Amino acid sequence: MAVFAALIAICFSFPGVGMIIASIVFAVLFVLWIWKGKNPFLGRSFVTNGAYMSILLLQFVLYFFNFACVPIYNVIGEQIYNVPLTTVSLCLTLVYIVATIVGCVSGPVINRLGRMRTLVIAIVLMIVGFAGSAIFITEKCGVLPAVNWCRPNTFI
């Protein structure tokens, strides 16, 4: 499972057919291990739990877009604004610091608002962040990280 997750993360930075094939192979091996293994750390009942698997799928979709943003912002910064990648990364570090702080206080927020309401708010804020990035793409480079502070990817 760790190798599969690592390959998915690496695939976003170094996309290629080989990485996708390796990810699929390790995903299949993981599923086979769960179904055929004598003592897997995740049992069949855990994996066949529909409610839990639907939440995992929703998290995958939401985090997929967050992972996709990093290379997109690197290209925007470098090719549109002529900003070095190190500067773009530094700007995005501010976004991750805010996301970490939001993640640290997300427990009390979820307890107060409820899981479903918090999930809907997080999705709406992500959409606002993506739309703001698209709308303000021609503005100064510093606007993009500021707009994306409202993408609380650690809420979920």
Protein backbone atom coordinates (compact mmCIF):
# COMPACT_ATOMS: atom_id res chain seq x y z
CA MET A 1 0.00 0.00 0.00
CA ALA A 2 2.84 2.39 0.83
CA VAL A 3 4.55 1.69 -2.49
CA PHE A 4 1.26 2.27 -4.33
CA ALA A 5 0.70 5.60 -2.53
CA ALA A 6 4.30 6.66 -3.16
CA LEU A 7 4.04 5.83 -6.86
CA ILE A 8 0.84 7.86 -7.17
CA ALA A 9 2.53 10.86 -5.52
CA ILE A 10 5.65 10.49 -7.69
CA CYS A 11 3.50 10.15 -10.80
CA PHE A 12 2.26 13.72 -10.29
CA SER A 13 5.80 15.08 -10.32
CA PHE A 14 7.19 12.75 -12.99
CA PRO A 15 4.24 11.67 -15.13
CA GLY A 16 4.79 8.78 -17.46
CA VAL A 17 3.30 5.55 -18.66
CA GLY A 18 5.78 3.52 -16.60
CA MET A 19 4.67 5.18 -13.36
CA ILE A 20 1.01 4.63 -14.17
CA ILE A 21 1.61 0.96 -15.01
CA ALA A 22 3.67 0.48 -11.82
CA SER A 23 0.88 2.12 -9.77
CA ILE A 24 -1.72 -0.17 -11.29
CA VAL A 25 0.45 -3.26 -10.72
CA PHE A 26 0.95 -2.39 -7.04
CA ALA A 27 -2.76 -1.58 -6.61
CA VAL A 28 -3.65 -5.00 -8.05
CA LEU A 29 -1.06 -6.69 -5.82
CA PHE A 30 -2.50 -4.91 -2.80
CA VAL A 31 -6.06 -6.00 -3.63
CA LEU A 32 -4.91 -9.58 -4.21
CA TRP A 33 -3.08 -9.54 -0.88
CA ILE A 34 -6.25 -8.39 0.90
CA TRP A 35 -8.38 -11.07 -0.78
CA LYS A 36 -5.91 -13.97 -0.66
CA GLY A 37 -3.55 -13.13 2.22
CA LYS A 38 -3.75 -15.08 5.47
CA ASN A 39 -3.40 -12.07 7.76
CA PRO A 40 -3.64 -8.76 5.84
CA PHE A 41 -3.70 -5.58 7.91
CA LEU A 42 -6.94 -4.61 6.14
CA GLY A 43 -9.59 -7.32 6.06
CA ARG A 44 -12.23 -7.86 3.39
CA SER A 45 -14.96 -6.41 5.59
CA PHE A 46 -12.99 -3.18 5.87
CA VAL A 47 -12.53 -2.85 2.11
CA THR A 48 -16.10 -3.86 1.25
CA ASN A 49 -17.59 -1.26 3.61
CA GLY A 50 -19.43 0.91 1.05
CA ALA A 51 -19.72 4.05 3.17
CA TYR A 52 -16.03 4.03 4.07
CA MET A 53 -14.89 3.33 0.51
CA SER A 54 -17.09 6.16 -0.84
CA ILE A 55 -15.42 8.59 1.60
CA LEU A 56 -12.00 7.33 0.49
CA LEU A 57 -13.00 7.85 -3.16
CA LEU A 58 -14.20 11.37 -2.38
CA GLN A 59 -10.91 12.13 -0.60
CA PHE A 60 -8.95 10.74 -3.54
CA VAL A 61 -10.82 12.98 -5.98
CA LEU A 62 -10.35 16.07 -3.80
CA TYR A 63 -6.67 15.41 -3.11
CA PHE A 64 -6.10 14.60 -6.78
CA PHE A 65 -6.94 18.19 -7.66
CA ASN A 66 -4.74 19.51 -4.85
CA PHE A 67 -1.79 17.43 -6.05
CA ALA A 68 -2.44 18.60 -9.61
CA CYS A 69 -2.25 22.27 -8.57
CA VAL A 70 1.43 22.21 -7.61
CA PRO A 71 2.79 21.48 -11.11
CA ILE A 72 0.18 23.77 -12.63
CA TYR A 73 1.30 26.67 -10.42
CA ASN A 74 4.93 25.90 -11.17
CA VAL A 75 4.19 26.21 -14.91
CA ILE A 76 2.11 29.36 -14.42
CA GLY A 77 4.80 31.00 -12.29
CA GLU A 78 7.66 30.05 -14.57
CA GLN A 79 6.07 30.55 -18.01
CA ILE A 80 3.54 33.33 -17.45
CA TYR A 81 5.23 35.41 -14.75
CA ASN A 82 8.88 34.44 -15.44
CA VAL A 83 9.34 33.63 -11.75
CA PRO A 84 11.92 30.98 -10.79
CA LEU A 85 10.56 27.68 -9.48
CA THR A 86 12.18 28.28 -6.11
CA THR A 87 10.17 31.48 -5.69
CA VAL A 88 6.96 29.75 -6.74
CA SER A 89 7.67 27.00 -4.21
CA LEU A 90 8.30 29.60 -1.53
CA CYS A 91 4.95 31.25 -2.28
CA LEU A 92 3.19 27.89 -2.12
CA THR A 93 4.88 27.18 1.21
CA LEU A 94 2.73 29.93 2.71
CA VAL A 95 -0.36 28.11 1.46
CA TYR A 96 0.81 24.85 3.05
CA ILE A 97 1.54 26.58 6.35
CA VAL A 98 -2.01 27.95 6.43
CA ALA A 99 -3.36 24.50 5.47
CA THR A 100 -1.36 22.93 8.29
CA ILE A 101 -2.76 25.40 10.81
CA VAL A 102 -6.28 24.78 9.53
CA GLY A 103 -5.64 21.04 9.79
CA CYS A 104 -4.51 21.42 13.40
CA VAL A 105 -7.78 23.10 14.38
CA SER A 106 -10.01 21.04 12.10
CA GLY A 107 -11.10 18.65 14.88
CA PRO A 108 -12.97 21.31 16.88
CA VAL A 109 -14.34 22.80 13.65
CA ILE A 110 -15.71 19.43 12.54
CA ASN A 111 -17.15 18.77 16.02
CA ARG A 112 -18.94 22.12 15.97
CA LEU A 113 -20.19 22.13 12.36
CA GLY A 114 -20.61 18.39 11.75
CA ARG A 115 -18.86 16.21 9.20
CA MET A 116 -21.20 16.72 6.27
CA ARG A 117 -21.41 20.50 6.64
CA THR A 118 -17.61 20.73 7.03
CA LEU A 119 -17.12 18.56 3.94
CA VAL A 120 -19.47 20.73 1.88
CA ILE A 121 -17.74 23.92 3.10
CA ALA A 122 -14.34 22.44 2.21
CA ILE A 123 -15.50 21.51 -1.29
CA VAL A 124 -17.06 24.93 -1.86
CA LEU A 125 -13.88 26.67 -0.66
CA MET A 126 -11.77 24.51 -2.97
CA ILE A 127 -13.99 25.47 -5.90
CA VAL A 128 -13.68 29.14 -4.90
CA GLY A 129 -9.89 28.75 -4.76
CA PHE A 130 -9.70 27.12 -8.18
CA ALA A 131 -12.09 29.66 -9.71
CA GLY A 132 -10.13 32.52 -8.12
CA SER A 133 -6.93 31.13 -9.59
CA ALA A 134 -8.51 31.04 -13.03
CA ILE A 135 -10.02 34.51 -12.74
CA PHE A 136 -6.89 36.18 -11.35
CA ILE A 137 -4.33 34.34 -13.52
CA THR A 138 -3.40 37.57 -15.31
CA GLU A 139 -2.85 39.46 -12.04
CA LYS A 140 0.43 39.63 -10.14
CA CYS A 141 2.01 36.31 -9.16
CA GLY A 142 1.41 36.81 -5.44
CA VAL A 143 -2.36 36.78 -5.93
CA LEU A 144 -2.49 33.06 -6.71
CA PRO A 145 -1.20 31.79 -3.35
CA ALA A 146 -3.40 34.31 -1.56
CA VAL A 147 -6.47 33.11 -3.45
CA ASN A 148 -5.66 29.51 -2.61
CA TRP A 149 -5.52 30.07 1.14
CA CYS A 150 -9.22 29.27 1.04
CA ARG A 151 -8.56 25.72 -0.23
CA PRO A 152 -8.62 23.85 3.09
CA ASN A 153 -7.48 20.47 1.82
CA THR A 154 -6.74 19.34 5.37
CA PHE A 155 -10.37 19.64 6.49
CA ILE A 156 -11.25 16.23 5.11
